[in-house]
C-alpha atoms as a PDB file:
ATOM      1  CA  UNK A   1     -19.083  -5.491   2.075  1.00  0.00           C
ATOM      2  CA  UNK A   2     -16.618  -2.598   2.372  1.00  0.00           C
ATOM      3  CA  UNK A   3     -13.632  -2.534   4.715  1.00  0.00           C
ATOM      4  CA  UNK A   4     -10.783  -0.054   5.264  1.00  0.00           C
ATOM      5  CA  UNK A   5      -7.175  -0.723   4.293  1.00  0.00           C
ATOM      6  CA  UNK A   6      -4.169   1.514   4.957  1.00  0.00           C
ATOM      7  CA  UNK A   7      -1.575   2.325   2.305  1.00  0.00           C
ATOM      8  CA  UNK A   8       1.531   4.498   2.501  1.00  0.00           C
ATOM      9  CA  UNK A   9       2.259   7.454   0.234  1.00  0.00           C
ATOM     10  CA  UNK A  10       4.288   5.546  -2.377  1.00  0.00           C
ATOM     11  CA  UNK A  11       1.692   2.783  -2.517  1.00  0.00           C
ATOM     12  CA  UNK A  12      -1.121   5.318  -3.002  1.00  0.00           C
ATOM     13  CA  UNK A  13       0.830   6.909  -5.845  1.00  0.00           C
ATOM     14  CA  UNK A  14       1.338   3.480  -7.438  1.00  0.00           C
ATOM     15  CA  UNK A  15      -2.403   2.737  -7.161  1.00  0.00           C
ATOM     16  CA  UNK A  16      -3.307   6.096  -8.698  1.00  0.00           C
ATOM     17  CA  UNK A  17      -0.751   5.458 -11.451  1.00  0.00           C
ATOM     18  CA  UNK A  18      -2.234   2.012 -12.154  1.00  0.00           C
ATOM     19  CA  UNK A  19       1.006   0.169 -11.260  1.00  0.00           C
ATOM     20  CA  UNK A  20      -0.210  -1.373  -7.985  1.00  0.00           C
ATOM     21  CA  UNK A  21      -2.868  -4.090  -8.215  1.00  0.00           C
ATOM     22  CA  UNK A  22      -1.743  -6.349  -5.337  1.00  0.00           C
ATOM     23  CA  UNK A  23      -0.913  -6.079  -1.675  1.00  0.00           C
ATOM     24  CA  UNK A  24       0.403  -8.533   0.884  1.00  0.00           C
ATOM     25  CA  UNK A  25      -0.644  -8.483   4.516  1.00  0.00           C
ATOM     26  CA  UNK A  26       0.660 -10.663   7.325  1.00  0.00           C
ATOM     27  CA  UNK A  27      -1.759 -13.331   8.526  1.00  0.00           C
ATOM     28  CA  UNK A  28      -2.338 -12.358  12.141  1.00  0.00           C
ATOM     29  CA  UNK A  29      -5.319 -14.489  13.055  1.00  0.00           C
ATOM     30  CA  UNK A  30      -5.654 -18.243  13.086  1.00  0.00           C
ATOM     31  CA  UNK A  31      -9.008 -18.309  11.275  1.00  0.00           C
ATOM     32  CA  UNK A  32      -9.316 -19.354   7.664  1.00  0.00           C
ATOM     33  CA  UNK A  33     -10.962 -16.175   6.358  1.00  0.00           C
ATOM     34  CA  UNK A  34      -9.025 -13.084   5.318  1.00  0.00           C
ATOM     35  CA  UNK A  35      -9.910 -10.127   7.536  1.00  0.00           C
ATOM     36  CA  UNK A  36      -9.880  -7.833   4.495  1.00  0.00           C
ATOM     37  CA  UNK A  37     -12.814  -9.622   2.893  1.00  0.00           C
ATOM     38  CA  UNK A  38     -13.578 -11.944   0.022  1.00  0.00           C
ATOM     39  CA  UNK A  39     -13.404 -11.814  -3.766  1.00  0.00           C
ATOM     40  CA  UNK A  40     -15.868  -9.152  -4.916  1.00  0.00           C
ATOM     41  CA  UNK A  41     -15.712  -7.145  -1.673  1.00  0.00           C
ATOM     42  CA  UNK A  42     -14.577  -3.544  -1.684  1.00  0.00           C
ATOM     43  CA  UNK A  43     -11.755  -1.892   0.257  1.00  0.00           C
ATOM     44  CA  UNK A  44     -11.665   1.836   0.902  1.00  0.00           C
ATOM     45  CA  UNK A  45      -8.184   3.259   1.175  1.00  0.00           C
ATOM     46  CA  UNK A  46      -7.013   5.149   4.247  1.00  0.00           C
ATOM     47  CA  UNK A  47      -4.031   7.392   3.514  1.00  0.00           C
ATOM     48  CA  UNK A  48      -2.108  10.179   5.243  1.00  0.00           C
ATOM     49  CA  UNK A  49      -3.707  13.608   4.888  1.00  0.00           C
ATOM     50  CA  UNK A  50      -3.281  17.204   6.009  1.00  0.00           C
ATOM     51  CA  UNK A  51      -5.947  19.027   8.029  1.00  0.00           C
ATOM     52  CA  UNK A  52      -6.671  22.575   6.887  1.00  0.00           C
ATOM     53  CA  UNK A  53      -8.658  24.938   9.101  1.00  0.00           C
ATOM     54  CA  UNK A  54      -8.548  28.146   7.048  1.00  0.00           C
ATOM     55  CA  UNK A  55      -9.537  26.875   3.604  1.00  0.00           C
ATOM     56  CA  UNK A  56     -12.823  25.780   2.031  1.00  0.00           C
ATOM     57  CA  UNK A  57     -10.910  22.598   1.197  1.00  0.00           C
ATOM     58  CA  UNK A  58     -10.638  20.925   4.588  1.00  0.00           C
ATOM     59  CA  UNK A  59      -8.035  18.320   3.679  1.00  0.00           C
ATOM     60  CA  UNK A  60      -5.227  17.593   1.272  1.00  0.00           C
ATOM     61  CA  UNK A  61      -3.946  14.094   0.566  1.00  0.00           C
ATOM     62  CA  UNK A  62      -0.273  13.709   1.390  1.00  0.00           C
ATOM     63  CA  UNK A  63       0.367  11.707  -1.783  1.00  0.00           C
ATOM     64  CA  UNK A  64      -0.738  14.704  -3.874  1.00  0.00           C
ATOM     65  CA  UNK A  65       1.802  17.093  -2.340  1.00  0.00           C
ATOM     66  CA  UNK A  66       5.372  17.558  -3.507  1.00  0.00           C
ATOM     67  CA  UNK A  67       8.203  17.652  -0.967  1.00  0.00           C
ATOM     68  CA  UNK A  68       8.236  21.461  -1.303  1.00  0.00           C
ATOM     69  CA  UNK A  69       4.507  21.695  -0.669  1.00  0.00           C
ATOM     70  CA  UNK A  70       4.926  19.517   2.436  1.00  0.00           C
ATOM     71  CA  UNK A  71       7.537  21.944   3.788  1.00  0.00           C
ATOM     72  CA  UNK A  72       5.173  24.870   3.161  1.00  0.00           C
ATOM     73  CA  UNK A  73       2.337  22.978   4.871  1.00  0.00           C
ATOM     74  CA  UNK A  74       4.507  22.441   7.959  1.00  0.00           C
ATOM     75  CA  UNK A  75       5.555  26.095   7.967  1.00  0.00           C
ATOM     76  CA  UNK A  76       1.933  27.196   7.711  1.00  0.00           C
ATOM     77  CA  UNK A  77       1.215  24.922  10.659  1.00  0.00           C
ATOM     78  CA  UNK A  78      -1.166  22.614   8.867  1.00  0.00           C
ATOM     79  CA  UNK A  79      -1.660  19.355  10.690  1.00  0.00           C
ATOM     80  CA  UNK A  80      -0.410  16.123   9.167  1.00  0.00           C
ATOM     81  CA  UNK A  81      -2.877  13.406  10.136  1.00  0.00           C
ATOM     82  CA  UNK A  82      -2.386   9.642  10.329  1.00  0.00           C
ATOM     83  CA  UNK A  83      -4.336   7.520   7.841  1.00  0.00           C
ATOM     84  CA  UNK A  84      -6.007   5.906  10.855  1.00  0.00           C
ATOM     85  CA  UNK A  85      -8.166   9.027  11.133  1.00  0.00           C
ATOM     86  CA  UNK A  86      -9.325   9.301   7.507  1.00  0.00           C
ATOM     87  CA  UNK A  87     -13.063   8.719   7.355  1.00  0.00           C
ATOM     88  CA  UNK A  88     -14.747   6.589   4.736  1.00  0.00           C
ATOM     89  CA  UNK A  89     -16.486   9.653   3.281  1.00  0.00           C
ATOM     90  CA  UNK A  90     -13.098  11.343   2.765  1.00  0.00           C
ATOM     91  CA  UNK A  91     -11.488   8.290   1.159  1.00  0.00           C
ATOM     92  CA  UNK A  92     -10.905   8.878  -2.547  1.00  0.00           C
ATOM     93  CA  UNK A  93      -9.835   5.378  -3.573  1.00  0.00           C
ATOM     94  CA  UNK A  94     -12.019   2.276  -3.603  1.00  0.00           C
ATOM     95  CA  UNK A  95     -10.649  -1.115  -4.595  1.00  0.00           C
ATOM     96  CA  UNK A  96     -12.486  -4.298  -5.554  1.00  0.00           C
ATOM     97  CA  UNK A  97     -10.883  -7.582  -4.471  1.00  0.00           C
ATOM     98  CA  UNK A  98     -10.341  -9.837  -7.495  1.00  0.00           C
ATOM     99  CA  UNK A  99      -8.292 -12.620  -5.872  1.00  0.00           C
ATOM    100  CA  UNK A 100      -7.057 -13.695  -2.446  1.00  0.00           C
ATOM    101  CA  UNK A 101      -4.556 -16.425  -1.708  1.00  0.00           C
ATOM    102  CA  UNK A 102      -2.326 -17.550   1.132  1.00  0.00           C
ATOM    103  CA  UNK A 103       1.386 -17.837   0.543  1.00  0.00           C
ATOM    104  CA  UNK A 104       4.682 -17.428   2.297  1.00  0.00           C
ATOM    105  CA  UNK A 105       6.121 -13.973   1.743  1.00  0.00           C
ATOM    106  CA  UNK A 106       9.238 -15.122  -0.101  1.00  0.00           C
ATOM    107  CA  UNK A 107       7.142 -17.098  -2.605  1.00  0.00           C
ATOM    108  CA  UNK A 108       6.356 -13.829  -4.389  1.00  0.00           C
ATOM    109  CA  UNK A 109       7.150 -13.899  -8.112  1.00  0.00           C
ATOM    110  CA  UNK A 110       8.624 -11.069 -10.170  1.00  0.00           C
ATOM    111  CA  UNK A 111       5.229 -10.660 -11.831  1.00  0.00           C
ATOM    112  CA  UNK A 112       3.558 -10.309  -8.411  1.00  0.00           C
ATOM    113  CA  UNK A 113       6.253  -7.915  -7.151  1.00  0.00           C
ATOM    114  CA  UNK A 114       5.630  -5.754 -10.216  1.00  0.00           C
ATOM    115  CA  UNK A 115       1.867  -5.880  -9.447  1.00  0.00           C
ATOM    116  CA  UNK A 116       2.780  -4.680  -5.931  1.00  0.00           C
ATOM    117  CA  UNK A 117       3.859  -1.458  -7.652  1.00  0.00           C
ATOM    118  CA  UNK A 118       7.578  -2.166  -7.399  1.00  0.00           C
ATOM    119  CA  UNK A 119       9.960  -0.984 -10.079  1.00  0.00           C
ATOM    120  CA  UNK A 120      12.702  -3.018 -11.682  1.00  0.00           C
ATOM    121  CA  UNK A 121      15.755  -3.267  -9.432  1.00  0.00           C
ATOM    122  CA  UNK A 122      18.714  -1.142 -10.511  1.00  0.00           C
ATOM    123  CA  UNK A 123      21.119  -3.429  -8.651  1.00  0.00           C
ATOM    124  CA  UNK A 124      19.925  -6.993  -9.126  1.00  0.00           C
ATOM    125  CA  UNK A 125      18.874  -8.904 -12.219  1.00  0.00           C
ATOM    126  CA  UNK A 126      17.642 -12.440 -12.677  1.00  0.00           C
ATOM    127  CA  UNK A 127      20.024 -15.178 -13.826  1.00  0.00           C
ATOM    128  CA  UNK A 128      18.267 -15.344 -17.198  1.00  0.00           C
ATOM    129  CA  UNK A 129      18.832 -11.605 -17.706  1.00  0.00           C
ATOM    130  CA  UNK A 130      15.200 -10.626 -17.121  1.00  0.00           C
ATOM    131  CA  UNK A 131      14.385  -7.689 -14.832  1.00  0.00           C
ATOM    132  CA  UNK A 132      14.137  -8.397 -11.100  1.00  0.00           C
ATOM    133  CA  UNK A 133      11.255  -6.880  -9.145  1.00  0.00           C
ATOM    134  CA  UNK A 134      11.379  -9.107  -6.060  1.00  0.00           C
ATOM    135  CA  UNK A 135      14.486  -7.389  -4.703  1.00  0.00           C
ATOM    136  CA  UNK A 136      12.661  -4.039  -4.846  1.00  0.00           C
ATOM    137  CA  UNK A 137       9.732  -5.679  -3.074  1.00  0.00           C
ATOM    138  CA  UNK A 138      12.033  -6.996  -0.335  1.00  0.00           C
ATOM    139  CA  UNK A 139      13.284  -3.445   0.227  1.00  0.00           C
ATOM    140  CA  UNK A 140       9.681  -2.133   0.330  1.00  0.00           C
ATOM    141  CA  UNK A 141       8.600  -4.863   2.769  1.00  0.00           C
ATOM    142  CA  UNK A 142      11.551  -4.166   5.055  1.00  0.00           C
ATOM    143  CA  UNK A 143      10.821  -0.416   4.996  1.00  0.00           C
ATOM    144  CA  UNK A 144       7.263  -1.096   6.181  1.00  0.00           C
ATOM    145  CA  UNK A 145       7.632  -4.056   8.535  1.00  0.00           C
ATOM    146  CA  UNK A 146      11.329  -4.037   9.386  1.00  0.00           C
ATOM    147  CA  UNK A 147      11.485  -0.938  11.570  1.00  0.00           C
ATOM    148  CA  UNK A 148      10.732  -2.914  14.721  1.00  0.00           C
ATOM    149  CA  UNK A 149      11.587  -6.315  13.282  1.00  0.00           C
ATOM    150  CA  UNK A 150      14.949  -6.665  11.514  1.00  0.00           C
ATOM    151  CA  UNK A 151      13.973 -10.198  10.452  1.00  0.00           C
ATOM    152  CA  UNK A 152      10.726  -9.079   8.795  1.00  0.00           C
ATOM    153  CA  UNK A 153      11.781 -10.535   5.450  1.00  0.00           C
ATOM    154  CA  UNK A 154      13.897 -13.452   6.700  1.00  0.00           C
ATOM    155  CA  UNK A 155      11.099 -14.826   8.899  1.00  0.00           C
ATOM    156  CA  UNK A 156       9.113 -15.485   5.666  1.00  0.00           C
ATOM    157  CA  UNK A 157       5.685 -15.019   7.285  1.00  0.00           C
ATOM    158  CA  UNK A 158       2.435 -16.379   5.924  1.00  0.00           C
ATOM    159  CA  UNK A 159       0.663 -13.551   4.073  1.00  0.00           C
ATOM    160  CA  UNK A 160      -2.592 -12.823   2.347  1.00  0.00           C
ATOM    161  CA  UNK A 161      -1.813 -11.972  -1.287  1.00  0.00           C
ATOM    162  CA  UNK A 162      -4.721  -9.746  -2.267  1.00  0.00           C
ATOM    163  CA  UNK A 163      -5.261  -8.732  -5.890  1.00  0.00           C
ATOM    164  CA  UNK A 164      -7.548  -5.811  -6.639  1.00  0.00           C
ATOM    165  CA  UNK A 165      -8.749  -3.396  -9.255  1.00  0.00           C
ATOM    166  CA  UNK A 166      -9.430   0.261  -8.670  1.00  0.00           C
ATOM    167  CA  UNK A 167     -13.054   1.298  -8.963  1.00  0.00           C
ATOM    168  CA  UNK A 168     -13.252   4.664 -10.657  1.00  0.00           C
ATOM    169  CA  UNK A 169     -15.469   7.153  -8.858  1.00  0.00           C
END
């Protein structure tokens, strides 16, 4: 089975770079099964893209463009399009689910936060002197879910922790 999953620009870059092999999604339904699928299922990634009308290449992926190229695209009146509207045939990333588990958000380990594509925190370290990744993950989570919910992290929601591997085309 193949289902869509949306990722932001930084997450797409981390997947392409091989740093991101996990994602966490809030449990929104009361059923036992994860709506993203089961171990062995595939996910096709929906990402932000730019519509191009005057080129043989009809779309550019936002994650591939530099900040300067984005400014040029806006000036040339290209259309930035939500990942919601990326079709399966235009998706360039396919992931295979290797593990799914339920956990509370704040139960994430440093190892898992690193697998989420997060980098070592510049500001916070662990008591034992090892690098801290969970603080970077908290910042990432808040940037995604905290816009309309300032307690997005503090509420410690139940999440699906989904591990995956990228399937090379």
